Amino acid sequence: MNSIFIYIIFVLVIFLFGILGFVLNRKNILIMLMSIELMLLATNVYFCSVSVFLDDLVGQIFAIFVLTIAASESAIGLAIFVIYHRVYGNIVIEKINILRN
């Protein structure tokens, strides 16, 4: 078995954990954000492993861009929820529709 298949199986398992964490836990926003980060991490591992397998740097450079996007996404998301918690006192997903108005 080639080493790239081991990385692909590893990436699929991590990505599926991220999807399951996002789908099965729809009430806790922090776990939903962590599940999104887990899915982005799985895609980064895939990009890096394929990049090393093909002896090309494009996948690794793209993984760095995805990491910066993921960091900004989590920082902005957490800032929004900290402000929401300060104003309303709780973070309940069902009542977050107040932000739309």
N, C-alpha and C. Protein backbone atom coordinates (compact mmCIF):
# COMPACT_ATOMS: atom_id res chain seq x y z
N MET A 1 0.85 -1.18 0.00
CA MET A 1 0.00 0.00 0.00
C MET A 1 0.89 1.24 0.00
N ASN A 2 0.60 2.13 -0.88
CA ASN A 2 1.40 3.34 -1.03
C ASN A 2 1.13 4.30 0.13
N SER A 3 2.10 5.12 0.45
CA SER A 3 1.97 6.02 1.60
C SER A 3 0.93 7.11 1.36
N ILE A 4 0.65 7.46 0.11
CA ILE A 4 -0.35 8.49 -0.16
C ILE A 4 -1.74 8.02 0.24
N PHE A 5 -2.00 6.72 0.11
CA PHE A 5 -3.31 6.19 0.49
C PHE A 5 -3.52 6.26 2.00
N ILE A 6 -2.46 6.10 2.77
CA ILE A 6 -2.56 6.22 4.22
C ILE A 6 -2.95 7.64 4.59
N TYR A 7 -2.34 8.62 3.93
CA TYR A 7 -2.69 10.01 4.20
C TYR A 7 -4.11 10.32 3.77
N ILE A 8 -4.54 9.76 2.65
CA ILE A 8 -5.90 10.02 2.18
C ILE A 8 -6.92 9.42 3.14
N ILE A 9 -6.66 8.22 3.65
CA ILE A 9 -7.57 7.61 4.63
C ILE A 9 -7.59 8.44 5.91
N PHE A 10 -6.43 8.92 6.34
CA PHE A 10 -6.34 9.78 7.53
C PHE A 10 -7.15 11.06 7.34
N VAL A 11 -7.02 11.66 6.16
CA VAL A 11 -7.76 12.89 5.86
C VAL A 11 -9.26 12.63 5.84
N LEU A 12 -9.68 11.51 5.25
CA LEU A 12 -11.10 11.20 5.21
C LEU A 12 -11.67 11.00 6.61
N VAL A 13 -10.92 10.35 7.48
CA VAL A 13 -11.40 10.14 8.85
C VAL A 13 -11.53 11.47 9.58
N ILE A 14 -10.53 12.34 9.47
CA ILE A 14 -10.59 13.64 10.13
C ILE A 14 -11.73 14.49 9.56
N PHE A 15 -11.90 14.47 8.25
CA PHE A 15 -12.96 15.25 7.62
C PHE A 15 -14.34 14.74 8.04
N LEU A 16 -14.50 13.42 8.12
CA LEU A 16 -15.77 12.86 8.57
C LEU A 16 -16.06 13.19 10.03
N PHE A 17 -15.03 13.21 10.88
CA PHE A 17 -15.22 13.65 12.27
C PHE A 17 -15.71 15.09 12.31
N GLY A 18 -15.16 15.93 11.44
CA GLY A 18 -15.60 17.32 11.37
C GLY A 18 -17.04 17.44 10.92
N ILE A 19 -17.42 16.67 9.91
CA ILE A 19 -18.80 16.70 9.42
C ILE A 19 -19.76 16.18 10.49
N LEU A 20 -19.39 15.08 11.14
CA LEU A 20 -20.24 14.54 12.20
C LEU A 20 -20.37 15.50 13.37
N GLY A 21 -19.29 16.16 13.74
CA GLY A 21 -19.35 17.14 14.82
C GLY A 21 -20.23 18.31 14.47
N PHE A 22 -20.24 18.71 13.21
CA PHE A 22 -21.07 19.83 12.78
C PHE A 22 -22.53 19.45 12.68
N VAL A 23 -22.81 18.25 12.16
CA VAL A 23 -24.20 17.84 11.93
C VAL A 23 -24.87 17.38 13.22
N LEU A 24 -24.16 16.61 14.03
CA LEU A 24 -24.78 16.04 15.21
C LEU A 24 -24.92 17.03 16.36
N ASN A 25 -24.11 18.06 16.40
CA ASN A 25 -24.17 19.02 17.49
C ASN A 25 -24.55 20.38 16.94
N ARG A 26 -25.83 20.62 16.81
CA ARG A 26 -26.31 21.87 16.24
C ARG A 26 -26.64 22.90 17.30
N LYS A 27 -26.39 22.62 18.58
CA LYS A 27 -26.76 23.56 19.63
C LYS A 27 -25.58 24.35 20.18
N ASN A 28 -24.39 23.80 20.14
CA ASN A 28 -23.22 24.47 20.70
C ASN A 28 -22.41 25.08 19.57
N ILE A 29 -22.35 26.39 19.56
CA ILE A 29 -21.69 27.08 18.45
C ILE A 29 -20.18 26.90 18.47
N LEU A 30 -19.59 26.75 19.65
CA LEU A 30 -18.14 26.57 19.73
C LEU A 30 -17.71 25.23 19.14
N ILE A 31 -18.49 24.19 19.39
CA ILE A 31 -18.17 22.89 18.80
C ILE A 31 -18.39 22.92 17.29
N MET A 32 -19.36 23.70 16.84
CA MET A 32 -19.56 23.84 15.40
C MET A 32 -18.36 24.53 14.76
N LEU A 33 -17.83 25.57 15.40
CA LEU A 33 -16.64 26.25 14.87
C LEU A 33 -15.42 25.33 14.89
N MET A 34 -15.28 24.52 15.95
CA MET A 34 -14.17 23.58 16.00
C MET A 34 -14.29 22.51 14.93
N SER A 35 -15.52 22.12 14.61
CA SER A 35 -15.72 21.13 13.55
C SER A 35 -15.36 21.70 12.19
N ILE A 36 -15.67 22.96 11.97
CA ILE A 36 -15.27 23.61 10.71
C ILE A 36 -13.75 23.69 10.62
N GLU A 37 -13.11 24.03 11.73
CA GLU A 37 -11.64 24.08 11.75
C GLU A 37 -11.04 22.69 11.49
N LEU A 38 -11.69 21.64 12.00
CA LEU A 38 -11.21 20.28 11.77
C LEU A 38 -11.32 19.91 10.30
N MET A 39 -12.39 20.33 9.64
CA MET A 39 -12.54 20.06 8.21
C MET A 39 -11.49 20.82 7.41
N LEU A 40 -11.22 22.07 7.79
CA LEU A 40 -10.18 22.83 7.09
C LEU A 40 -8.79 22.23 7.32
N LEU A 41 -8.55 21.72 8.52
CA LEU A 41 -7.28 21.05 8.80
C LEU A 41 -7.12 19.80 7.95
N ALA A 42 -8.20 19.06 7.77
CA ALA A 42 -8.13 17.86 6.93
C ALA A 42 -7.80 18.21 5.48
N THR A 43 -8.39 19.30 4.97
CA THR A 43 -8.06 19.69 3.60
C THR A 43 -6.60 20.16 3.49
N ASN A 44 -6.09 20.79 4.54
CA ASN A 44 -4.69 21.21 4.52
C ASN A 44 -3.74 20.01 4.52
N VAL A 45 -4.06 19.00 5.31
CA VAL A 45 -3.24 17.79 5.32
C VAL A 45 -3.28 17.12 3.95
N TYR A 46 -4.44 17.12 3.33
CA TYR A 46 -4.56 16.54 1.99
C TYR A 46 -3.73 17.32 0.97
N PHE A 47 -3.83 18.65 1.00
CA PHE A 47 -3.04 19.46 0.08
C PHE A 47 -1.55 19.22 0.26
N CYS A 48 -1.10 19.18 1.51
CA CYS A 48 0.33 18.98 1.77
C CYS A 48 0.79 17.59 1.37
N SER A 49 -0.01 16.56 1.64
CA SER A 49 0.41 15.21 1.29
C SER A 49 0.46 15.00 -0.22
N VAL A 50 -0.51 15.52 -0.93
CA VAL A 50 -0.49 15.41 -2.39
C VAL A 50 0.65 16.24 -2.97
N SER A 51 0.92 17.38 -2.36
CA SER A 51 2.02 18.22 -2.82
C SER A 51 3.37 17.52 -2.66
N VAL A 52 3.56 16.84 -1.54
CA VAL A 52 4.80 16.11 -1.34
C VAL A 52 4.87 14.92 -2.29
N PHE A 53 3.74 14.24 -2.50
CA PHE A 53 3.72 13.08 -3.38
C PHE A 53 4.04 13.47 -4.82
N LEU A 54 3.53 14.61 -5.27
CA LEU A 54 3.78 15.06 -6.64
C LEU A 54 5.04 15.90 -6.78
N ASP A 55 5.72 16.16 -5.66
CA ASP A 55 6.95 16.97 -5.64
C ASP A 55 6.68 18.37 -6.22
N ASP A 56 5.65 19.01 -5.67
CA ASP A 56 5.23 20.32 -6.13
C ASP A 56 4.91 21.18 -4.90
N LEU A 57 5.25 22.45 -4.94
CA LEU A 57 5.03 23.33 -3.79
C LEU A 57 3.68 24.04 -3.80
N VAL A 58 2.92 23.89 -4.86
CA VAL A 58 1.67 24.64 -4.97
C VAL A 58 0.68 24.24 -3.88
N GLY A 59 0.59 22.96 -3.56
CA GLY A 59 -0.32 22.50 -2.52
C GLY A 59 0.05 23.03 -1.16
N GLN A 60 1.34 23.12 -0.87
CA GLN A 60 1.78 23.63 0.43
C GLN A 60 1.53 25.13 0.54
N ILE A 61 1.72 25.85 -0.54
CA ILE A 61 1.44 27.29 -0.54
C ILE A 61 -0.06 27.53 -0.38
N PHE A 62 -0.87 26.71 -1.05
CA PHE A 62 -2.32 26.84 -0.92
C PHE A 62 -2.76 26.50 0.50
N ALA A 63 -2.10 25.54 1.14
CA ALA A 63 -2.42 25.19 2.53
C ALA A 63 -2.12 26.36 3.47
N ILE A 64 -1.07 27.11 3.20
CA ILE A 64 -0.76 28.29 4.02
C ILE A 64 -1.85 29.34 3.87
N PHE A 65 -2.35 29.53 2.64
CA PHE A 65 -3.45 30.48 2.44
C PHE A 65 -4.72 30.02 3.16
N VAL A 66 -5.00 28.73 3.11
CA VAL A 66 -6.18 28.21 3.81
C VAL A 66 -6.03 28.39 5.32
N LEU A 67 -4.83 28.21 5.85
CA LEU A 67 -4.60 28.42 7.28
C LEU A 67 -4.86 29.87 7.68
N THR A 68 -4.45 30.82 6.86
CA THR A 68 -4.70 32.22 7.19
C THR A 68 -6.19 32.55 7.14
N ILE A 69 -6.90 31.99 6.17
CA ILE A 69 -8.34 32.20 6.08
C ILE A 69 -9.03 31.59 7.30
N ALA A 70 -8.60 30.38 7.69
CA ALA A 70 -9.21 29.70 8.85
C ALA A 70 -8.95 30.47 10.14
N ALA A 71 -7.77 31.02 10.27
CA ALA A 71 -7.46 31.80 11.48
C ALA A 71 -8.31 33.06 11.55
N SER A 72 -8.47 33.74 10.44
CA SER A 72 -9.30 34.94 10.45
C SER A 72 -10.77 34.59 10.68
N GLU A 73 -11.22 33.48 10.12
CA GLU A 73 -12.61 33.05 10.31
C GLU A 73 -12.90 32.74 11.77
N SER A 74 -12.00 32.04 12.40
CA SER A 74 -12.23 31.70 13.81
C SER A 74 -12.13 32.93 14.71
N ALA A 75 -11.21 33.84 14.41
CA ALA A 75 -11.08 35.05 15.22
C ALA A 75 -12.33 35.92 15.11
N ILE A 76 -12.84 36.11 13.91
CA ILE A 76 -14.03 36.93 13.72
C ILE A 76 -15.25 36.25 14.33
N GLY A 77 -15.37 34.93 14.14
CA GLY A 77 -16.50 34.19 14.71
C GLY A 77 -16.51 34.24 16.22
N LEU A 78 -15.37 34.03 16.84
CA LEU A 78 -15.30 34.08 18.30
C LEU A 78 -15.55 35.48 18.83
N ALA A 79 -15.08 36.50 18.12
CA ALA A 79 -15.34 37.88 18.55
C ALA A 79 -16.83 38.20 18.49
N ILE A 80 -17.50 37.74 17.45
CA ILE A 80 -18.95 37.97 17.34
C ILE A 80 -19.68 37.30 18.50
N PHE A 81 -19.27 36.08 18.83
CA PHE A 81 -20.00 35.37 19.89
C PHE A 81 -19.66 35.88 21.28
N VAL A 82 -18.48 36.43 21.48
CA VAL A 82 -18.16 37.05 22.76
C VAL A 82 -19.01 38.31 22.96
N ILE A 83 -19.15 39.10 21.91
CA ILE A 83 -19.98 40.30 22.00
C ILE A 83 -21.45 39.93 22.19
N TYR A 84 -21.90 38.89 21.48
CA TYR A 84 -23.28 38.42 21.64
C TYR A 84 -23.52 37.93 23.06
N HIS A 85 -22.55 37.24 23.64
CA HIS A 85 -22.69 36.76 25.01
C HIS A 85 -22.70 37.91 26.01
N ARG A 86 -21.93 38.94 25.77
CA ARG A 86 -21.93 40.09 26.67
C ARG A 86 -23.25 40.84 26.64
N VAL A 87 -23.85 40.93 25.46
CA VAL A 87 -25.09 41.68 25.34
C VAL A 87 -26.29 40.89 25.86
N TYR A 88 -26.41 39.61 25.45
CA TYR A 88 -27.60 38.83 25.77
C TYR A 88 -27.41 37.86 26.93
N GLY A 89 -26.19 37.57 27.35
CA GLY A 89 -25.96 36.72 28.50
C GLY A 89 -25.88 35.23 28.22
N ASN A 90 -26.21 34.80 27.02
CA ASN A 90 -26.09 33.39 26.67
C ASN A 90 -25.85 33.25 25.17
N ILE A 91 -25.44 32.06 24.80
CA ILE A 91 -25.25 31.76 23.38
C ILE A 91 -26.14 30.57 23.06
N VAL A 92 -27.33 30.86 22.57
CA VAL A 92 -28.29 29.82 22.20
C VAL A 92 -28.50 29.94 20.70
N ILE A 93 -28.28 28.84 20.00
CA ILE A 93 -28.37 28.86 18.53
C ILE A 93 -29.77 29.21 18.06
N GLU A 94 -30.80 28.74 18.76
CA GLU A 94 -32.17 28.98 18.32
C GLU A 94 -32.53 30.46 18.35
N LYS A 95 -31.90 31.24 19.20
CA LYS A 95 -32.24 32.66 19.34
C LYS A 95 -31.24 33.57 18.64
N ILE A 96 -30.40 33.02 17.81
CA ILE A 96 -29.40 33.85 17.13
C ILE A 96 -29.98 34.59 15.95
N ASN A 97 -31.22 34.30 15.57
CA ASN A 97 -31.87 35.01 14.47
C ASN A 97 -32.08 36.49 14.78
N ILE A 98 -31.84 36.90 16.01
CA ILE A 98 -31.93 38.32 16.38
C ILE A 98 -30.89 39.13 15.61
N LEU A 99 -29.76 38.51 15.27
CA LEU A 99 -28.69 39.21 14.54
C LEU A 99 -29.12 39.63 13.14
N ARG A 100 -30.12 39.00 12.57
CA ARG A 100 -30.55 39.33 11.21
C ARG A 100 -31.27 40.67 11.15
N ASN A 101 -31.89 41.11 12.22
CA ASN A 101 -32.67 42.36 12.21
C ASN A 101 -31.83 43.57 12.39
